[in-house]
Protein backbone atom coordinates (compact mmCIF):
# COMPACT_ATOMS: atom_id res chain seq x y z
CA MET A 1 23.07 -4.23 44.16
CA GLU A 2 24.92 -7.97 44.41
CA ASP A 3 21.73 -9.20 45.94
CA LEU A 4 19.51 -7.73 43.45
CA TRP A 5 21.57 -9.82 40.84
CA GLU A 6 21.63 -13.16 42.79
CA ARG A 7 17.94 -12.99 42.77
CA LEU A 8 17.86 -12.75 38.92
CA ARG A 9 20.03 -15.28 38.35
CA ALA A 10 17.91 -17.46 41.05
CA VAL A 11 14.81 -16.74 38.70
CA ARG A 12 16.67 -17.59 35.49
CA ALA A 13 18.08 -20.85 37.00
CA ARG A 14 14.12 -21.85 37.36
CA PRO A 15 12.58 -24.30 35.25
CA THR A 16 9.77 -23.00 32.53
CA ASP A 17 7.77 -26.15 32.34
CA PRO A 18 5.34 -26.62 34.87
CA HIS A 19 5.83 -30.17 35.33
CA ASP A 20 9.50 -29.81 36.32
CA VAL A 21 8.03 -28.14 39.41
CA GLY A 22 5.20 -30.29 40.22
CA VAL A 23 2.52 -27.81 38.72
CA GLU A 24 -0.48 -30.13 37.51
CA VAL A 25 -2.34 -28.47 34.02
CA GLN A 26 -5.87 -28.83 34.78
CA SER A 27 -7.98 -30.71 32.13
CA ALA A 28 -9.50 -28.69 29.58
CA GLY A 29 -12.73 -30.33 29.93
CA PRO A 30 -15.17 -30.78 27.47
CA ALA A 31 -14.72 -28.65 24.39
CA PRO A 32 -17.82 -26.74 23.14
CA PRO A 33 -19.86 -28.52 19.94
CA GLY A 34 -17.98 -28.26 17.07
CA TRP A 35 -14.47 -27.58 18.35
CA GLU A 36 -11.84 -29.64 20.01
CA TRP A 37 -9.10 -29.54 22.17
CA VAL A 38 -5.41 -29.49 20.44
CA ALA A 39 -3.56 -28.15 23.60
CA PRO A 40 -4.68 -28.12 27.21
CA MET A 41 -5.32 -24.10 26.52
CA VAL A 42 -6.10 -24.34 22.88
CA ALA A 43 -9.17 -24.98 21.07
CA ARG A 44 -9.77 -24.99 17.35
CA ARG A 45 -12.80 -25.65 14.98
CA THR A 46 -12.94 -26.01 11.07
CA LEU A 47 -15.96 -25.10 9.10
CA ILE A 48 -16.49 -26.02 5.58
CA PHE A 49 -19.12 -25.15 3.44
CA GLU A 50 -20.01 -24.24 -0.10
CA LEU A 51 -19.28 -20.83 -1.91
CA GLU A 52 -22.36 -19.10 -2.46
CA SER A 53 -23.50 -20.35 -5.96
CA VAL A 54 -24.63 -16.84 -7.33
CA PHE A 55 -20.93 -15.11 -6.32
CA TRP A 56 -19.35 -17.77 -7.77
CA GLY A 57 -21.26 -17.65 -10.75
CA GLN A 58 -20.37 -13.92 -11.37
CA LEU A 59 -16.57 -14.57 -10.74
CA GLU A 60 -16.01 -18.21 -12.33
CA GLY A 61 -13.96 -17.53 -15.67
CA LEU A 62 -12.46 -14.06 -14.07
CA VAL A 63 -10.57 -16.01 -11.42
CA ASP A 64 -9.13 -19.37 -11.34
CA ALA A 65 -9.74 -21.15 -8.23
CA GLN A 66 -6.71 -23.58 -8.26
CA GLN A 67 -4.73 -20.01 -7.19
CA TRP A 68 -6.31 -20.29 -3.82
CA GLN A 69 -4.85 -23.52 -3.02
CA ASP A 70 -3.34 -23.08 0.36
CA VAL A 71 -3.59 -19.53 0.39
CA LEU A 72 -5.15 -18.25 3.98
CA CYS A 73 -7.07 -15.08 4.22
CA PHE A 74 -6.52 -14.63 7.84
CA ASP A 75 -7.03 -12.34 10.69
CA THR A 76 -7.00 -12.07 14.55
CA GLU A 77 -8.76 -10.64 17.52
CA THR A 78 -6.35 -9.72 20.28
CA THR A 79 -6.26 -8.53 23.74
CA GLY A 80 -5.93 -4.51 22.70
CA LEU A 81 -6.20 -2.43 19.54
CA SER A 82 -2.78 -0.44 19.97
CA GLY A 83 -0.79 -3.40 19.20
CA GLY A 84 2.92 -3.80 21.48
CA ALA A 85 4.76 -6.21 23.38
CA GLY A 86 1.48 -6.26 25.46
CA THR A 87 -0.87 -7.41 23.28
CA VAL A 88 -1.65 -10.96 22.38
CA ALA A 89 -3.58 -12.75 19.90
CA PHE A 90 -6.56 -15.20 21.55
CA LEU A 91 -8.08 -15.90 18.40
CA VAL A 92 -6.55 -16.46 15.09
CA GLY A 93 -8.11 -17.90 12.07
CA TRP A 94 -8.60 -17.67 7.99
CA ALA A 95 -10.72 -18.59 5.16
CA LYS A 96 -9.04 -20.65 2.01
CA LEU A 97 -10.71 -21.95 -0.66
CA LEU A 98 -10.92 -25.79 -1.49
CA PRO A 99 -11.29 -26.10 -5.37
CA SER A 100 -12.97 -28.98 -6.70
CA ARG A 101 -11.38 -31.50 -8.73
CA GLU A 102 -14.51 -32.11 -11.11
CA GLU A 103 -15.12 -29.10 -13.76
CA ASN A 104 -17.99 -26.84 -13.60
CA CYS A 105 -18.31 -27.27 -9.46
CA ILE A 106 -18.66 -24.83 -7.04
CA PRO A 107 -15.54 -24.81 -4.75
CA LYS A 108 -15.98 -24.71 -0.93
CA VAL A 109 -14.66 -22.69 1.36
CA GLN A 110 -12.82 -23.60 4.92
CA VAL A 111 -12.66 -21.74 7.94
CA ASP A 112 -10.32 -22.45 10.51
CA GLN A 113 -10.29 -20.75 14.00
CA TRP A 114 -7.89 -21.12 16.97
CA PHE A 115 -8.85 -20.21 20.20
CA LEU A 116 -6.32 -19.09 23.33
CA ARG A 117 -8.49 -19.94 26.65
CA ASP A 118 -5.77 -18.30 28.67
CA LEU A 119 -2.14 -16.99 28.30
CA PRO A 120 -0.21 -19.49 29.54
CA GLY A 121 -1.22 -21.47 26.48
CA GLU A 122 0.28 -18.77 24.17
CA PRO A 123 3.45 -20.86 23.21
CA GLU A 124 1.25 -24.13 22.17
CA LEU A 125 -0.70 -22.03 20.08
CA LEU A 126 1.99 -20.51 18.18
CA ASN A 127 3.81 -23.92 18.02
CA LEU A 128 0.35 -24.83 16.05
CA LEU A 129 -0.08 -21.80 14.26
CA ASP A 130 3.52 -21.81 12.67
CA ALA A 131 3.33 -25.27 11.10
CA GLU A 132 -0.10 -24.52 9.37
CA PHE A 133 1.99 -21.15 8.62
CA ARG A 134 4.69 -22.31 7.07
CA ALA A 135 2.67 -25.29 4.95
CA SER A 136 0.41 -22.61 3.23
CA ARG A 137 1.48 -20.78 -0.26
CA SER A 138 0.52 -17.12 0.97
CA LEU A 139 -0.97 -14.80 3.45
CA VAL A 140 -3.79 -12.21 2.70
CA SER A 141 -5.00 -9.80 5.02
CA PHE A 142 -6.84 -6.59 5.47
CA ASN A 143 -4.79 -3.90 7.09
CA GLY A 144 -2.68 -6.57 8.62
CA ALA A 145 0.27 -5.02 6.87
CA SER A 146 -0.06 -2.55 9.64
CA PHE A 147 -1.34 -4.34 12.35
CA ASP A 148 -1.86 -8.17 12.47
CA LEU A 149 1.35 -9.59 11.14
CA PRO A 150 3.62 -7.45 12.91
CA LEU A 151 1.47 -8.02 16.44
CA LEU A 152 2.07 -11.96 15.22
CA LYS A 153 5.69 -11.68 14.65
CA THR A 154 6.29 -9.84 17.69
CA ARG A 155 4.77 -12.62 19.88
CA TRP A 156 7.12 -15.02 17.63
CA VAL A 157 10.21 -12.88 18.41
CA LEU A 158 8.92 -12.80 22.11
CA SER A 159 8.64 -16.95 22.22
CA GLY A 160 12.07 -17.14 20.93
CA ARG A 161 10.83 -18.11 17.19
CA THR A 162 11.14 -16.77 13.53
CA PHE A 163 8.27 -15.95 11.87
CA PRO A 164 7.43 -18.01 8.71
CA ASP A 165 8.79 -17.03 5.39
CA VAL A 166 5.50 -16.71 3.66
CA VAL A 167 4.65 -14.33 0.94
CA HIS A 168 2.16 -12.16 2.19
CA ARG A 169 -0.08 -9.01 0.50
CA ASP A 170 -2.36 -6.84 1.94
CA ASP A 171 -6.04 -5.92 0.15
CA LEU A 172 -6.61 -2.69 1.96
CA PRO A 173 -4.40 -0.65 -0.45
CA VAL A 174 -5.91 -1.74 -3.45
CA ALA A 175 -9.43 -1.56 -2.08
CA ARG A 176 -8.84 2.09 -1.09
CA ARG A 177 -8.06 2.55 -4.79
CA LEU A 178 -10.97 0.91 -6.04
CA TRP A 179 -13.80 2.35 -3.34
CA LYS A 180 -12.14 5.25 -1.36
CA ARG A 181 -13.32 8.11 -3.36
CA ILE A 182 -17.06 6.77 -3.38
CA LEU A 183 -17.25 5.45 0.00
CA SER A 184 -17.52 6.85 3.31
CA SER A 185 -14.98 4.70 4.60
CA CYS A 186 -12.70 1.46 3.40
CA ARG A 187 -13.04 -0.50 6.51
CA LEU A 188 -13.99 -4.02 5.81
CA GLY A 189 -17.34 -3.16 7.46
CA GLN A 190 -17.87 -0.51 5.08
CA LEU A 191 -16.96 -2.67 2.11
CA GLU A 192 -18.71 -5.83 3.21
CA GLN A 193 -21.94 -3.68 3.16
CA ASP A 194 -21.46 -1.43 0.26
CA VAL A 195 -19.82 -3.85 -2.43
CA LEU A 196 -20.18 -7.57 -1.14
CA GLY A 197 -23.89 -6.79 0.01
CA VAL A 198 -23.48 -7.99 3.23
CA GLN A 199 -24.83 -5.78 6.50
CA ARG A 200 -24.52 -7.82 9.94
CA LYS A 201 -27.36 -8.34 12.44
CA ASP A 202 -26.27 -8.32 16.21
CA ASP A 203 -22.60 -8.20 15.42
CA VAL A 204 -20.07 -7.79 18.08
CA PRO A 205 -18.36 -4.26 17.42
CA GLY A 206 -14.36 -4.97 17.24
CA SER A 207 -13.74 -2.13 19.87
CA LEU A 208 -15.56 -4.55 22.58
CA VAL A 209 -13.84 -7.76 21.53
CA PRO A 210 -10.63 -7.29 23.94
CA GLU A 211 -13.05 -6.32 26.69
CA LEU A 212 -15.23 -9.53 26.29
CA TRP A 213 -12.16 -11.99 26.41
CA PHE A 214 -11.09 -10.59 29.46
CA SER A 215 -14.53 -10.78 31.12
CA TYR A 216 -14.27 -14.18 30.29
CA LEU A 217 -11.02 -14.57 32.08
CA ARG A 218 -12.45 -13.21 34.98
CA CYS A 219 -14.93 -15.40 35.05
CA GLY A 220 -13.10 -18.20 35.40
CA ALA A 221 -12.25 -19.25 31.72
CA ALA A 222 -14.89 -21.95 31.67
CA ALA A 223 -14.32 -24.69 29.02
CA ASP A 224 -17.39 -23.69 27.59
CA PHE A 225 -16.18 -20.57 26.04
CA ALA A 226 -18.45 -20.53 23.09
CA THR A 227 -21.22 -19.40 25.33
CA PRO A 228 -19.70 -16.26 26.28
CA LEU A 229 -17.76 -15.63 22.98
CA GLU A 230 -20.28 -16.99 20.66
CA GLY A 231 -20.79 -13.25 19.19
CA VAL A 232 -16.99 -12.81 19.36
CA LEU A 233 -16.21 -16.23 17.48
CA ARG A 234 -18.96 -15.40 14.45
CA HIS A 235 -17.94 -11.70 14.08
CA HIS A 236 -14.34 -13.74 13.53
CA ALA A 237 -15.53 -16.17 10.85
CA GLN A 238 -17.27 -13.51 9.09
CA ASP A 239 -14.13 -11.59 8.94
CA VAL A 240 -12.10 -13.97 7.11
CA TYR A 241 -14.86 -15.22 4.91
CA SER A 242 -15.51 -11.69 3.57
CA LEU A 243 -11.94 -11.01 3.28
CA LEU A 244 -11.57 -14.20 1.07
CA CYS A 245 -14.39 -13.12 -1.03
CA LEU A 246 -13.13 -9.64 -1.47
CA ASP A 247 -9.88 -10.77 -2.25
CA LEU A 248 -11.68 -12.65 -4.97
CA LEU A 249 -13.50 -9.67 -6.49
CA ILE A 250 -10.17 -7.43 -6.39
CA HIS A 251 -8.68 -10.49 -7.99
CA ALA A 252 -11.35 -10.39 -10.57
CA VAL A 253 -11.35 -6.53 -10.85
CA SER A 254 -7.74 -6.34 -11.29
CA ARG A 255 -7.36 -9.20 -14.28
CA GLN A 256 -10.29 -8.16 -16.50
CA PRO A 257 -10.75 -4.65 -15.57
CA GLY A 258 -12.77 -4.15 -18.77
CA HIS A 259 -15.46 -6.72 -17.84
CA ASN A 260 -18.93 -5.41 -18.07
CA LEU A 261 -19.60 -6.66 -14.33
CA TRP A 262 -18.01 -3.34 -12.99
CA GLN A 263 -19.28 -0.16 -13.48
CA PRO A 264 -16.68 2.95 -12.97
CA VAL A 265 -18.44 5.97 -11.11
CA HIS A 266 -17.11 9.22 -9.99
CA GLN A 267 -19.28 9.20 -6.97
CA TYR A 268 -21.69 6.40 -5.16
CA GLU A 269 -25.07 8.27 -5.48
CA GLN A 270 -27.26 5.46 -4.17
CA ARG A 271 -26.83 2.66 -1.73
CA ARG A 272 -28.13 -0.67 -2.63
CA ARG A 273 -30.01 -2.57 -0.27
CA PRO A 274 -28.12 -5.31 0.99
CA LEU A 275 -28.75 -8.71 -0.65
CA ALA A 276 -26.64 -11.35 1.07
CA ARG A 277 -28.27 -14.58 2.33
CA LEU A 278 -27.65 -16.67 5.35
CA ALA A 279 -24.54 -19.14 5.45
CA PRO A 280 -24.05 -21.80 7.66
CA TRP A 281 -22.85 -21.25 11.38
CA GLY A 282 -24.96 -18.04 11.44
CA MET A 283 -22.49 -16.07 8.67
CA LEU A 284 -23.68 -14.34 5.52
CA HIS A 285 -22.81 -15.39 1.88
CA PRO A 286 -21.79 -12.41 -0.52
CA ASP A 287 -24.29 -10.92 -3.23
CA LEU A 288 -22.63 -8.58 -5.82
CA GLY A 289 -25.90 -7.78 -7.49
CA SER A 290 -25.87 -7.04 -11.27
CA ARG A 291 -23.39 -4.46 -11.11
CA VAL A 292 -20.20 -3.57 -8.73
CA LEU A 293 -19.51 0.05 -8.56
CA VAL A 294 -16.04 0.80 -8.12
CA ASP A 295 -14.11 4.23 -8.15
CA PHE A 296 -13.15 5.66 -11.81
CA TRP A 297 -9.89 6.66 -11.15
CA GLY A 298 -8.98 3.52 -9.06
CA TRP A 299 -10.67 1.53 -12.04
CA LEU A 300 -8.65 3.40 -14.50
CA ALA A 301 -5.43 2.55 -12.97
CA LEU A 302 -5.65 -1.29 -14.29
CA GLN A 303 -6.18 0.01 -17.47
CA SER A 304 -3.73 -0.56 -20.51
CA SER A 305 -2.71 2.67 -22.12
CA LEU A 306 -5.01 2.28 -24.93
CA GLU A 307 -8.01 1.44 -22.66
CA LYS A 308 -7.26 4.25 -20.61
CA VAL A 309 -7.91 6.61 -23.52
CA ARG A 310 -11.16 5.48 -24.82
CA ALA A 311 -12.30 5.55 -21.16
CA LEU A 312 -11.23 9.15 -20.69
CA GLU A 313 -12.60 9.93 -24.20
CA ALA A 314 -15.98 8.79 -23.02
CA ALA A 315 -15.62 10.65 -19.67
CA TRP A 316 -14.83 13.94 -21.62
CA GLN A 317 -17.49 13.45 -23.70
CA TRP A 318 -20.02 13.22 -20.35
CA ASN A 319 -18.18 16.13 -18.77
CA PRO A 320 -15.30 18.03 -20.44
CA ASN A 321 -13.66 19.39 -17.01
CA ALA A 322 -10.14 20.14 -16.25
CA VAL A 323 -9.38 17.08 -14.16
CA VAL A 324 -10.87 14.71 -16.81
CA GLY A 325 -8.77 16.50 -19.69
CA LEU A 326 -5.52 16.75 -18.01
CA ALA A 327 -5.51 13.19 -17.81
CA TRP A 328 -6.71 12.21 -20.86
CA GLY A 329 -4.07 14.81 -22.05
CA GLN A 330 -1.50 12.91 -20.63
CA THR A 331 -2.38 9.55 -21.48
CA LEU A 332 -2.38 10.60 -25.25
CA LYS A 333 1.01 12.55 -24.52
CA ARG A 334 2.94 9.35 -23.96
CA LEU A 335 1.45 7.57 -26.74
CA GLY A 336 2.51 10.61 -28.95
CA ASP A 337 -0.88 11.43 -29.90
CA ILE A 338 -1.59 14.60 -31.36
CA ARG A 339 -5.05 14.96 -29.62
CA ALA A 340 -3.36 15.69 -26.56
CA LEU A 341 -2.50 19.11 -27.88
CA LYS A 342 -6.16 19.95 -28.91
CA VAL A 343 -7.31 19.13 -25.59
CA TRP A 344 -4.88 21.04 -23.60
CA GLU A 345 -5.59 23.99 -25.90
CA PHE A 346 -9.63 23.92 -25.30
CA LEU A 347 -8.80 23.75 -21.59
CA TRP A 348 -6.80 26.76 -22.09
CA ASP A 349 -9.33 28.85 -24.34
CA ASN A 350 -12.25 27.89 -22.41
CA SER A 351 -11.41 27.52 -18.82
CA ARG A 352 -7.82 29.34 -18.33
CA CYS A 353 -6.35 26.18 -16.83
CA LEU A 354 -2.75 26.98 -16.45
CA PRO A 355 -1.42 23.42 -16.06
CA ALA A 356 -2.95 22.87 -19.74
CA LEU A 357 -1.21 25.94 -21.19
CA VAL A 358 2.16 24.78 -19.45
CA GLU A 359 1.60 21.15 -21.39
CA THR A 360 0.55 23.17 -24.54
CA LEU A 361 3.84 25.22 -24.22
CA LYS A 362 6.16 22.02 -23.51
CA TRP A 363 4.62 20.26 -26.62
CA LEU A 364 5.16 23.34 -28.97
CA GLU A 365 8.65 23.99 -28.02
CA HIS A 366 10.08 20.54 -27.48
CA ARG A 367 7.92 18.19 -29.92
CA ASP A 368 7.16 20.12 -32.61
CA ARG A 369 10.02 22.34 -32.58
CA SER A 370 8.83 24.40 -35.99
CA PRO A 371 9.10 28.19 -36.41
CA GLU A 372 5.19 28.30 -36.65
CA ALA A 373 5.14 26.43 -33.33
CA LEU A 374 7.68 28.77 -31.83
CA THR A 375 5.69 31.83 -32.36
CA LYS A 376 2.25 30.54 -31.24
CA ALA A 377 4.20 29.56 -28.09
CA LEU A 378 5.41 33.20 -27.52
CA ARG A 379 1.84 34.14 -28.09
CA LEU A 380 0.26 32.03 -25.81
CA VAL A 381 3.18 33.13 -23.21
CA ALA A 382 2.37 36.80 -23.88
CA GLN A 383 -1.20 36.16 -23.68
CA ALA A 384 -0.71 34.42 -20.17
CA GLN A 385 1.35 37.16 -18.65
CA GLU A 386 -1.43 39.56 -19.47
CA GLY A 387 -3.72 38.02 -17.18
CA ALA A 388 -4.59 38.99 -13.63
CA ALA A 389 -4.81 35.50 -12.13
CA ILE A 390 -1.47 34.10 -12.16
CA THR A 391 0.92 34.01 -9.11
CA GLN A 392 4.29 35.80 -9.08
CA LYS A 393 6.03 32.16 -9.45
CA ASP A 394 4.22 31.66 -12.38
CA ARG A 395 4.79 34.62 -14.16
CA GLN A 396 8.54 34.12 -13.38
CA ALA A 397 8.43 30.40 -15.19
CA LEU A 398 6.72 32.06 -17.62
CA GLN A 399 9.15 34.99 -18.32
CA LYS A 400 11.97 32.13 -18.59
CA ARG A 401 10.34 30.27 -21.04
CA ARG A 402 9.57 33.31 -22.97
CA LEU A 403 13.09 34.41 -23.24
CA ARG A 404 14.21 30.82 -23.98
CA LEU A 405 11.64 30.93 -27.00
CA GLU A 406 12.74 34.22 -28.28
CA LYS A 407 16.62 32.90 -28.37
CA ARG A 408 15.19 29.88 -30.37
CA GLY A 409 12.97 32.11 -32.83
């Protein structure tokens, strides 16, 4: 045991800087076109291009480009998909909006990518990223709250750093609210295709990205990494660009849910043909089409109370079912509108909807309180107790309410 402690102390006493032990850091060699070495094992490239004019034309007036100044829509490509201390981000990047100083000009997009050539260069990569994150206004991710951000924070901790205290928002929860009921999934790729109109061709599946990077390492980690990893680099650049466009779209829907560009639906009946146009460096610009389909219930949650009443009333006129009726009744109830009682009575009389009956009884007992209302409530309770399609628990609850109503009467 003493010998083991001596060996551990000797290891800890060794210098960590390779220059201190005479190890020569090999030259990185020429960087691939468009890239530059910012450290011996870290390369960077910056892509700047104009945001697609049709896409911006649809959102102009709904969003303020200045609000995205120094906002980084970021994503990582990692050595594994399970996270943990053994997972390293070998490609980190973001897209950000560059608002024009002139009026009526289309903003530009800047995509930055940072590539880690080999694992020993990770401390330099983290040092460079740390400065960029600290200079940003906020971070935006897609499922980053549960994967990318915890992974980066772990790498910062393992390197003895504190992750920058930057505001972060994740677009996945809002995307689920707006599209999960009408799309088969809310993966970024699905949203790209069905919402942004982007259909990638010859794209690298995300599940293959770690293996491609390890294959690159096994082949010697050549300075020309863009040749074996061209698909990965393009996949990542499209991810962050699509995330920026999705973030702009979500903000526009949330800020002005009543705009006629959004079409609330209960189901996604027909997939539209993707209309995305080619962007620089093999990426694709989004195209929203003439209307953006959003889930009715997710869209409804963004509305004011009065707008909810109007929307639910229109949905009720189209299809007077229990789901719409209960939601409409609850919204009317919060506004103190007696039409809520009419809706619940209709649901009970026509479909024996027990939740509607319970809401009716609550209104009569606690809001109206008149002798006529109490008499009517007793009659409805007796009617419900005589029905066969009612659970024992509900029958007991109705009996308690009946006894309470009889005491009041």
